[in-house]
Amino acid sequence: MVAGREVTPQERAATERLMRYWAHGPGAAKIKWGVPGDFDRCVVQLSKYVGPGIVKGLCSNLHQRATGARPGHAPGEKHDKN
């Protein structure tokens, strides 16, 4: 439900198109998933379109969709030992 009503099939399809765009399409090229700083680039890019209370959760979901893991846990990511 969104704002007290059910999501329509058209809204669900539009959301899926946007998720594909940012995870695997032209938006993904802007974010450069898997390259250090990808989560921060996502937050900068998507902050233009969604509010501050949503953007980090959305970017975390997109990161998982694009890389297979949550931010900081993707294969090949280096962790600071300090």
C-alpha atoms as a PDB file:
ATOM      1  CA  MET A   1       0.000   0.000   0.000  1.00  0.00           C
ATOM      2  CA  VAL A   2       1.073   3.532  -0.709  1.00  0.00           C
ATOM      3  CA  ALA A   3      -0.462   6.431   1.213  1.00  0.00           C
ATOM      4  CA  GLY A   4      -3.475   4.362   2.215  1.00  0.00           C
ATOM      5  CA  ARG A   5      -4.150   2.765  -1.159  1.00  0.00           C
ATOM      6  CA  GLU A   6      -3.020  -0.268  -3.092  1.00  0.00           C
ATOM      7  CA  VAL A   7      -0.276   0.051  -5.685  1.00  0.00           C
ATOM      8  CA  THR A   8      -1.547  -0.340  -9.239  1.00  0.00           C
ATOM      9  CA  PRO A   9       0.077  -2.702 -11.750  1.00  0.00           C
ATOM     10  CA  GLN A  10       1.201   0.359 -13.732  1.00  0.00           C
ATOM     11  CA  GLU A  11       2.916   1.848 -10.670  1.00  0.00           C
ATOM     12  CA  ARG A  12       4.587  -1.464  -9.917  1.00  0.00           C
ATOM     13  CA  ALA A  13       5.854  -1.674 -13.534  1.00  0.00           C
ATOM     14  CA  ALA A  14       7.122   1.924 -13.435  1.00  0.00           C
ATOM     15  CA  THR A  15       9.000   1.216 -10.197  1.00  0.00           C
ATOM     16  CA  GLU A  16      10.586  -1.883 -11.724  1.00  0.00           C
ATOM     17  CA  ARG A  17      11.713   0.115 -14.793  1.00  0.00           C
ATOM     18  CA  LEU A  18      13.372   2.700 -12.539  1.00  0.00           C
ATOM     19  CA  MET A  19      15.068   0.011 -10.454  1.00  0.00           C
ATOM     20  CA  ARG A  20      16.442  -1.628 -13.634  1.00  0.00           C
ATOM     21  CA  TYR A  21      17.597   1.775 -14.933  1.00  0.00           C
ATOM     22  CA  TRP A  22      19.603   2.543 -11.778  1.00  0.00           C
ATOM     23  CA  ALA A  23      20.847  -0.999 -11.092  1.00  0.00           C
ATOM     24  CA  HIS A  24      21.770  -2.189 -14.598  1.00  0.00           C
ATOM     25  CA  GLY A  25      20.956   0.493 -17.175  1.00  0.00           C
ATOM     26  CA  PRO A  26      22.216   3.996 -17.985  1.00  0.00           C
ATOM     27  CA  GLY A  27      21.847   5.052 -14.346  1.00  0.00           C
ATOM     28  CA  ALA A  28      24.184   2.241 -13.299  1.00  0.00           C
ATOM     29  CA  ALA A  29      26.842   3.666 -15.614  1.00  0.00           C
ATOM     30  CA  LYS A  30      26.631   6.965 -13.709  1.00  0.00           C
ATOM     31  CA  ILE A  31      26.955   5.211 -10.347  1.00  0.00           C
ATOM     32  CA  LYS A  32      29.630   2.706 -11.433  1.00  0.00           C
ATOM     33  CA  TRP A  33      28.518  -0.123  -9.151  1.00  0.00           C
ATOM     34  CA  GLY A  34      31.421  -2.137  -7.761  1.00  0.00           C
ATOM     35  CA  VAL A  35      33.833   0.804  -7.954  1.00  0.00           C
ATOM     36  CA  PRO A  36      34.773   2.347  -4.585  1.00  0.00           C
ATOM     37  CA  GLY A  37      32.369   5.156  -3.688  1.00  0.00           C
ATOM     38  CA  ASP A  38      29.415   3.625  -5.544  1.00  0.00           C
ATOM     39  CA  PHE A  39      27.007   4.006  -2.612  1.00  0.00           C
ATOM     40  CA  ASP A  40      27.923   7.681  -2.152  1.00  0.00           C
ATOM     41  CA  ARG A  41      27.549   8.322  -5.899  1.00  0.00           C
ATOM     42  CA  CYS A  42      24.127   6.688  -5.744  1.00  0.00           C
ATOM     43  CA  VAL A  43      23.065   8.947  -2.876  1.00  0.00           C
ATOM     44  CA  VAL A  44      24.215  12.040  -4.792  1.00  0.00           C
ATOM     45  CA  GLN A  45      22.485  10.991  -8.026  1.00  0.00           C
ATOM     46  CA  LEU A  46      19.190   9.871  -6.485  1.00  0.00           C
ATOM     47  CA  SER A  47      18.966  12.763  -4.000  1.00  0.00           C
ATOM     48  CA  LYS A  48      17.886  14.823  -7.011  1.00  0.00           C
ATOM     49  CA  TYR A  49      14.731  12.689  -7.240  1.00  0.00           C
ATOM     50  CA  VAL A  50      13.870  11.290  -3.806  1.00  0.00           C
ATOM     51  CA  GLY A  51      13.823  12.696  -0.305  1.00  0.00           C
ATOM     52  CA  PRO A  52      16.571  12.404   2.307  1.00  0.00           C
ATOM     53  CA  GLY A  53      14.536   9.966   4.386  1.00  0.00           C
ATOM     54  CA  ILE A  54      14.404   7.470   1.505  1.00  0.00           C
ATOM     55  CA  VAL A  55      17.573   7.816  -0.537  1.00  0.00           C
ATOM     56  CA  LYS A  56      20.006   5.762   1.563  1.00  0.00           C
ATOM     57  CA  GLY A  57      17.626   2.821   1.888  1.00  0.00           C
ATOM     58  CA  LEU A  58      16.898   2.967  -1.833  1.00  0.00           C
ATOM     59  CA  CYS A  59      20.625   3.053  -2.634  1.00  0.00           C
ATOM     60  CA  SER A  60      21.231   0.108  -0.311  1.00  0.00           C
ATOM     61  CA  ASN A  61      18.544  -1.874  -2.151  1.00  0.00           C
ATOM     62  CA  LEU A  62      19.966  -0.849  -5.530  1.00  0.00           C
ATOM     63  CA  HIS A  63      23.492  -1.785  -4.381  1.00  0.00           C
ATOM     64  CA  GLN A  64      22.277  -5.259  -3.465  1.00  0.00           C
ATOM     65  CA  ARG A  65      20.446  -5.602  -6.749  1.00  0.00           C
ATOM     66  CA  ALA A  66      23.443  -4.430  -8.796  1.00  0.00           C
ATOM     67  CA  THR A  67      26.263  -6.218  -6.944  1.00  0.00           C
ATOM     68  CA  GLY A  68      24.536  -9.031  -5.082  1.00  0.00           C
ATOM     69  CA  ALA A  69      25.430  -7.625  -1.656  1.00  0.00           C
ATOM     70  CA  ARG A  70      24.680  -4.723   0.651  1.00  0.00           C
ATOM     71  CA  PRO A  71      27.039  -1.721   0.660  1.00  0.00           C
ATOM     72  CA  GLY A  72      30.414  -2.642   2.133  1.00  0.00           C
ATOM     73  CA  HIS A  73      29.840  -6.354   1.522  1.00  0.00           C
ATOM     74  CA  ALA A  74      30.055  -6.778  -2.251  1.00  0.00           C
ATOM     75  CA  PRO A  75      32.549  -9.309  -3.610  1.00  0.00           C
ATOM     76  CA  GLY A  76      35.918  -7.663  -4.088  1.00  0.00           C
ATOM     77  CA  GLU A  77      35.246  -4.739  -1.746  1.00  0.00           C
ATOM     78  CA  LYS A  78      38.180  -3.986   0.498  1.00  0.00           C
ATOM     79  CA  HIS A  79      37.533  -3.303   4.147  1.00  0.00           C
ATOM     80  CA  ASP A  80      39.610  -0.926   6.218  1.00  0.00           C
ATOM     81  CA  LYS A  81      41.246  -2.930   9.031  1.00  0.00           C
ATOM     82  CA  ASN A  82      41.564   0.159  11.291  1.00  0.00           C
END
